[in-house]
Amino acid sequence: MDETKPQQLQILQVDQKKTRLCDICANGAVLRGHSRNDPAQNHEEVICLFMGRVIEIDVTDCNRFVERIPQTAVGAAAQADTAWVA
């Protein structure tokens, strides 16, 4: 019998004044623009691709959060860039 470990969900708590979690989540799509009728009026829409709906709050805690760029990938990319400099 093959026993696999359940996937661990990461819950990230951020400073409410600084970052909205959807801005740094792989499942978050943030659309910004202006109204066609009134160019001076800015508009923003946040969509959760995981839930498939518009999010109407500034999310600070989410049990479905997935880092857009995992820290290990950032470290590997930096190491690769350094290797090419030599």
C-alpha atoms as a PDB file:
ATOM      1  CA  MET A   1       0.000   0.000   0.000  1.00  0.00           C
ATOM      2  CA  ASP A   2       1.465   3.307  -1.114  1.00  0.00           C
ATOM      3  CA  GLU A   3       1.142   5.950   1.563  1.00  0.00           C
ATOM      4  CA  THR A   4       1.636   9.500   0.368  1.00  0.00           C
ATOM      5  CA  LYS A   5       1.834  12.483   2.620  1.00  0.00           C
ATOM      6  CA  PRO A   6      -0.976  15.008   2.204  1.00  0.00           C
ATOM      7  CA  GLN A   7       0.057  18.300   0.640  1.00  0.00           C
ATOM      8  CA  GLN A   8       0.870  20.917   3.239  1.00  0.00           C
ATOM      9  CA  LEU A   9      -0.979  24.191   2.764  1.00  0.00           C
ATOM     10  CA  GLN A  10       0.924  27.341   3.550  1.00  0.00           C
ATOM     11  CA  ILE A  11      -0.859  30.112   5.385  1.00  0.00           C
ATOM     12  CA  LEU A  12       0.946  33.402   5.035  1.00  0.00           C
ATOM     13  CA  GLN A  13       0.134  36.341   7.213  1.00  0.00           C
ATOM     14  CA  VAL A  14       1.086  39.732   5.834  1.00  0.00           C
ATOM     15  CA  ASP A  15       0.974  43.249   7.157  1.00  0.00           C
ATOM     16  CA  GLN A  16      -2.486  44.547   6.236  1.00  0.00           C
ATOM     17  CA  LYS A  17      -1.086  47.994   5.428  1.00  0.00           C
ATOM     18  CA  LYS A  18       1.557  46.718   2.980  1.00  0.00           C
ATOM     19  CA  THR A  19       0.541  43.749   0.823  1.00  0.00           C
ATOM     20  CA  ARG A  20      -2.664  42.233  -0.424  1.00  0.00           C
ATOM     21  CA  LEU A  21      -2.089  38.483  -0.612  1.00  0.00           C
ATOM     22  CA  CYS A  22      -3.642  38.191  -4.100  1.00  0.00           C
ATOM     23  CA  ASP A  23      -0.869  40.421  -5.498  1.00  0.00           C
ATOM     24  CA  ILE A  24       1.777  37.772  -4.731  1.00  0.00           C
ATOM     25  CA  CYS A  25      -0.318  34.608  -5.182  1.00  0.00           C
ATOM     26  CA  ALA A  26      -0.051  32.370  -8.264  1.00  0.00           C
ATOM     27  CA  ASN A  27      -3.861  32.112  -8.271  1.00  0.00           C
ATOM     28  CA  GLY A  28      -4.444  35.868  -8.148  1.00  0.00           C
ATOM     29  CA  ALA A  29      -5.131  37.949 -11.243  1.00  0.00           C
ATOM     30  CA  VAL A  30      -5.158  41.699 -10.649  1.00  0.00           C
ATOM     31  CA  LEU A  31      -6.541  43.828 -13.467  1.00  0.00           C
ATOM     32  CA  ARG A  32      -6.051  47.588 -13.392  1.00  0.00           C
ATOM     33  CA  GLY A  33      -7.217  50.185 -15.865  1.00  0.00           C
ATOM     34  CA  HIS A  34      -9.491  53.137 -16.378  1.00  0.00           C
ATOM     35  CA  SER A  35     -13.070  53.591 -17.434  1.00  0.00           C
ATOM     36  CA  ARG A  36     -13.662  54.058 -21.174  1.00  0.00           C
ATOM     37  CA  ASN A  37     -16.291  56.702 -20.417  1.00  0.00           C
ATOM     38  CA  ASP A  38     -14.178  58.617 -17.907  1.00  0.00           C
ATOM     39  CA  PRO A  39     -10.389  58.143 -18.296  1.00  0.00           C
ATOM     40  CA  ALA A  40      -9.787  59.921 -14.995  1.00  0.00           C
ATOM     41  CA  GLN A  41     -11.623  57.143 -13.115  1.00  0.00           C
ATOM     42  CA  ASN A  42      -9.321  54.229 -12.231  1.00  0.00           C
ATOM     43  CA  HIS A  43     -10.682  50.714 -11.845  1.00  0.00           C
ATOM     44  CA  GLU A  44      -9.215  47.556 -10.314  1.00  0.00           C
ATOM     45  CA  GLU A  45     -10.557  44.005 -10.265  1.00  0.00           C
ATOM     46  CA  VAL A  46      -9.055  41.047  -8.411  1.00  0.00           C
ATOM     47  CA  ILE A  47      -9.920  37.539  -9.584  1.00  0.00           C
ATOM     48  CA  CYS A  48      -9.055  34.309  -7.774  1.00  0.00           C
ATOM     49  CA  LEU A  49      -8.286  31.731 -10.448  1.00  0.00           C
ATOM     50  CA  PHE A  50      -8.573  28.916  -7.880  1.00  0.00           C
ATOM     51  CA  MET A  51     -12.125  29.869  -6.884  1.00  0.00           C
ATOM     52  CA  GLY A  52     -13.014  31.305 -10.275  1.00  0.00           C
ATOM     53  CA  ARG A  53     -14.596  34.487  -8.987  1.00  0.00           C
ATOM     54  CA  VAL A  54     -14.010  38.158  -8.305  1.00  0.00           C
ATOM     55  CA  ILE A  55     -12.639  38.934  -4.847  1.00  0.00           C
ATOM     56  CA  GLU A  56     -14.169  42.005  -3.256  1.00  0.00           C
ATOM     57  CA  ILE A  57     -11.974  42.240  -0.153  1.00  0.00           C
ATOM     58  CA  ASP A  58      -8.263  42.812   0.490  1.00  0.00           C
ATOM     59  CA  VAL A  59      -7.211  39.255   1.370  1.00  0.00           C
ATOM     60  CA  THR A  60      -4.621  38.980   4.153  1.00  0.00           C
ATOM     61  CA  ASP A  61      -4.990  35.273   5.084  1.00  0.00           C
ATOM     62  CA  CYS A  62      -5.774  32.429   2.667  1.00  0.00           C
ATOM     63  CA  ASN A  63      -5.382  28.658   3.016  1.00  0.00           C
ATOM     64  CA  ARG A  64      -5.096  28.295  -0.803  1.00  0.00           C
ATOM     65  CA  PHE A  65      -2.178  30.727  -1.145  1.00  0.00           C
ATOM     66  CA  VAL A  66       0.544  29.604  -3.565  1.00  0.00           C
ATOM     67  CA  GLU A  67       3.690  31.693  -3.925  1.00  0.00           C
ATOM     68  CA  ARG A  68       3.964  33.168  -7.399  1.00  0.00           C
ATOM     69  CA  ILE A  69       7.746  32.635  -7.451  1.00  0.00           C
ATOM     70  CA  PRO A  70       8.895  30.063  -4.873  1.00  0.00           C
ATOM     71  CA  GLN A  71      11.985  31.158  -2.937  1.00  0.00           C
ATOM     72  CA  THR A  72      13.926  28.075  -4.088  1.00  0.00           C
ATOM     73  CA  ALA A  73      13.407  29.081  -7.740  1.00  0.00           C
ATOM     74  CA  VAL A  74      14.624  32.620  -7.025  1.00  0.00           C
ATOM     75  CA  GLY A  75      17.752  31.236  -5.359  1.00  0.00           C
ATOM     76  CA  ALA A  76      18.428  28.822  -8.245  1.00  0.00           C
ATOM     77  CA  ALA A  77      17.989  31.602 -10.818  1.00  0.00           C
ATOM     78  CA  ALA A  78      20.408  33.853  -8.942  1.00  0.00           C
ATOM     79  CA  GLN A  79      22.967  31.047  -8.787  1.00  0.00           C
ATOM     80  CA  ALA A  80      22.596  30.396 -12.535  1.00  0.00           C
ATOM     81  CA  ASP A  81      23.137  34.099 -13.299  1.00  0.00           C
ATOM     82  CA  THR A  82      26.251  34.125 -11.130  1.00  0.00           C
ATOM     83  CA  ALA A  83      27.620  31.018 -12.862  1.00  0.00           C
ATOM     84  CA  TRP A  84      27.437  32.718 -16.275  1.00  0.00           C
ATOM     85  CA  VAL A  85      29.384  35.757 -15.087  1.00  0.00           C
ATOM     86  CA  ALA A  86      32.576  33.752 -14.474  1.00  0.00           C
END
